[in-house]
Amino acid sequence: MIDAAFKAISQLFSQPLRRVLLKAIGLALLLIIIIGIVLNRVFSALAASGATWAEQTSGMAPHAAWASMAWVLSIMASLGIITGALFLMPAVTAFVGSFFVDEVADVVERVHYPAEPPGRALPSRCAASISEAAASMSTCWLVPNRWVM
């Protein structure tokens, strides 16, 4: 097992595996950025519409007070989105990276086990359930006072 770990570490930055690693990290970052932008737009719109509603309902505070409150809430929501993205990055990377496991297995089998017959790829449904399990396990490690694997 230790020998297999050293083989994995020595092959981690080889050309084929580096391409898979960069693909997984790039797609995970893209997914996190898209989700963050969408959430930021939704929360900003909710804060603006809430400020408009509060201004019309109360009628006593000036527009600047409600606009500044909406601005502060938008900043707080943005910081919350960034914090959430930092905590969810390992789960999203595990989820996206699990789709490239077959490519990694092909490279490792070709380099270290050339005499063995090549393995078969998992069906898509099975691979999706395994990637979902990997993402949920990596999320559970980050949540304190929850069950630890």
Protein backbone atom coordinates (compact mmCIF):
# COMPACT_ATOMS: atom_id res chain seq x y z
CA MET A 1 0.00 0.00 0.00
CA ILE A 2 2.86 2.38 0.78
CA ASP A 3 4.45 1.45 -2.53
CA ALA A 4 1.21 2.33 -4.32
CA ALA A 5 1.12 5.69 -2.49
CA PHE A 6 4.67 6.50 -3.60
CA LYS A 7 3.79 5.53 -7.17
CA ALA A 8 0.75 7.82 -7.04
CA ILE A 9 2.74 10.75 -5.70
CA SER A 10 5.49 10.27 -8.26
CA GLN A 11 2.96 10.20 -11.10
CA LEU A 12 0.76 13.04 -9.79
CA PHE A 13 2.43 15.76 -11.84
CA SER A 14 3.02 13.77 -15.01
CA GLN A 15 1.63 15.28 -18.21
CA PRO A 16 -1.60 13.20 -18.53
CA LEU A 17 -2.53 13.43 -14.84
CA ARG A 18 -1.65 17.11 -14.66
CA ARG A 19 -4.09 17.73 -17.51
CA VAL A 20 -6.84 15.88 -15.60
CA LEU A 21 -5.99 17.74 -12.39
CA LEU A 22 -6.12 21.15 -14.08
CA LYS A 23 -9.38 20.22 -15.83
CA ALA A 24 -11.02 19.23 -12.55
CA ILE A 25 -9.80 22.31 -10.67
CA GLY A 26 -10.78 24.63 -13.52
CA LEU A 27 -14.28 23.22 -13.84
CA ALA A 28 -14.78 23.30 -10.07
CA LEU A 29 -13.68 26.95 -9.90
CA LEU A 30 -15.92 27.83 -12.82
CA LEU A 31 -18.88 26.13 -11.14
CA ILE A 32 -18.22 27.90 -7.82
CA ILE A 33 -17.86 31.29 -9.57
CA ILE A 34 -21.08 30.85 -11.55
CA ILE A 35 -23.03 29.81 -8.45
CA GLY A 36 -21.52 32.73 -6.51
CA ILE A 37 -22.46 35.28 -9.19
CA VAL A 38 -26.01 33.96 -9.42
CA LEU A 39 -26.45 33.98 -5.63
CA ASN A 40 -24.98 37.49 -5.39
CA ARG A 41 -27.43 38.79 -8.01
CA VAL A 42 -30.37 37.11 -6.28
CA PHE A 43 -29.45 38.43 -2.83
CA SER A 44 -28.79 41.94 -4.16
CA ALA A 45 -32.17 41.98 -5.90
CA LEU A 46 -33.87 40.74 -2.75
CA ALA A 47 -32.15 43.42 -0.66
CA ALA A 48 -33.13 46.16 -3.12
CA SER A 49 -36.75 45.04 -3.35
CA GLY A 50 -36.90 44.67 0.43
CA ALA A 51 -35.55 48.19 0.87
CA THR A 52 -38.13 49.52 -1.58
CA TRP A 53 -40.91 47.69 0.25
CA ALA A 54 -39.70 48.89 3.66
CA GLU A 55 -39.42 52.46 2.42
CA GLN A 56 -42.96 52.44 1.05
CA THR A 57 -44.38 50.66 4.09
CA SER A 58 -42.77 52.71 6.84
CA GLY A 59 -42.89 56.09 5.18
CA MET A 60 -40.85 57.69 7.95
CA ALA A 61 -37.19 56.97 7.14
CA PRO A 62 -35.47 58.70 4.22
CA HIS A 63 -34.55 56.85 1.07
CA ALA A 64 -30.81 57.05 1.89
CA ALA A 65 -31.28 55.03 5.09
CA TRP A 66 -32.99 52.18 3.29
CA ALA A 67 -30.55 52.28 0.36
CA SER A 68 -27.57 52.13 2.70
CA MET A 69 -29.16 49.23 4.59
CA ALA A 70 -29.64 47.37 1.30
CA TRP A 71 -26.01 48.12 0.44
CA VAL A 72 -24.79 46.73 3.78
CA LEU A 73 -26.95 43.61 3.37
CA SER A 74 -25.55 43.08 -0.13
CA ILE A 75 -21.98 43.31 1.20
CA MET A 76 -22.79 40.87 4.00
CA ALA A 77 -24.38 38.46 1.52
CA SER A 78 -21.29 38.69 -0.71
CA LEU A 79 -19.00 37.88 2.21
CA GLY A 80 -21.26 34.96 3.14
CA ILE A 81 -21.14 33.66 -0.42
CA ILE A 82 -17.33 33.86 -0.46
CA THR A 83 -17.10 32.06 2.89
CA GLY A 84 -19.53 29.39 1.71
CA ALA A 85 -17.54 28.95 -1.50
CA LEU A 86 -14.36 28.38 0.49
CA PHE A 87 -16.03 25.68 2.57
CA LEU A 88 -17.71 24.03 -0.42
CA MET A 89 -14.65 24.05 -2.71
CA PRO A 90 -13.37 20.61 -1.56
CA ALA A 91 -16.82 19.08 -2.08
CA VAL A 92 -17.24 20.62 -5.52
CA THR A 93 -13.70 19.61 -6.52
CA ALA A 94 -14.34 16.04 -5.35
CA PHE A 95 -17.62 15.97 -7.26
CA VAL A 96 -16.14 17.33 -10.49
CA GLY A 97 -12.91 15.35 -10.15
CA SER A 98 -14.76 12.08 -9.73
CA PHE A 99 -15.94 12.37 -13.33
CA PHE A 100 -12.31 12.06 -14.48
CA VAL A 101 -11.39 8.99 -12.41
CA ASP A 102 -11.54 6.71 -15.45
CA GLU A 103 -8.94 8.83 -17.27
CA VAL A 104 -6.64 8.64 -14.26
CA ALA A 105 -7.14 4.87 -14.00
CA ASP A 106 -6.30 4.42 -17.69
CA VAL A 107 -3.02 6.31 -17.30
CA VAL A 108 -2.04 4.47 -14.10
CA GLU A 109 -2.88 1.06 -15.60
CA ARG A 110 -0.93 1.82 -18.76
CA VAL A 111 2.19 2.96 -16.87
CA HIS A 112 2.35 0.67 -13.82
CA TYR A 113 0.36 -2.40 -14.89
CA PRO A 114 0.98 -2.95 -18.61
CA ALA A 115 0.68 -6.76 -18.36
CA GLU A 116 -2.81 -6.61 -16.80
CA PRO A 117 -5.92 -6.35 -18.98
CA PRO A 118 -7.33 -2.81 -19.10
CA GLY A 119 -10.20 -2.05 -16.74
CA ARG A 120 -13.73 -1.15 -17.79
CA ALA A 121 -15.29 2.22 -17.10
CA LEU A 122 -18.22 2.41 -14.71
CA PRO A 123 -21.70 3.08 -16.07
CA SER A 124 -22.68 6.75 -15.89
CA ARG A 125 -25.39 6.24 -13.27
CA CYS A 126 -23.03 4.36 -10.95
CA ALA A 127 -20.26 6.94 -11.47
CA ALA A 128 -22.69 9.77 -10.65
CA SER A 129 -23.77 8.11 -7.40
CA ILE A 130 -20.15 7.51 -6.38
CA SER A 131 -19.23 11.13 -7.15
CA GLU A 132 -22.21 12.32 -5.12
CA ALA A 133 -21.05 10.17 -2.20
CA ALA A 134 -17.50 11.55 -2.48
CA ALA A 135 -18.79 15.12 -2.46
CA SER A 136 -21.02 14.52 0.55
CA MET A 137 -18.20 12.82 2.47
CA SER A 138 -15.83 15.72 1.84
CA THR A 139 -18.54 18.14 3.00
CA CYS A 140 -19.08 16.18 6.23
CA TRP A 141 -15.42 16.60 7.15
CA LEU A 142 -15.83 20.37 7.11
CA VAL A 143 -18.96 20.64 9.24
CA PRO A 144 -18.01 20.67 12.94
CA ASN A 145 -19.97 18.66 15.49
CA ARG A 146 -21.40 16.39 12.81
CA TRP A 147 -20.61 12.79 12.12
CA VAL A 148 -16.98 12.26 11.15
CA MET A 149 -15.98 9.51 8.80
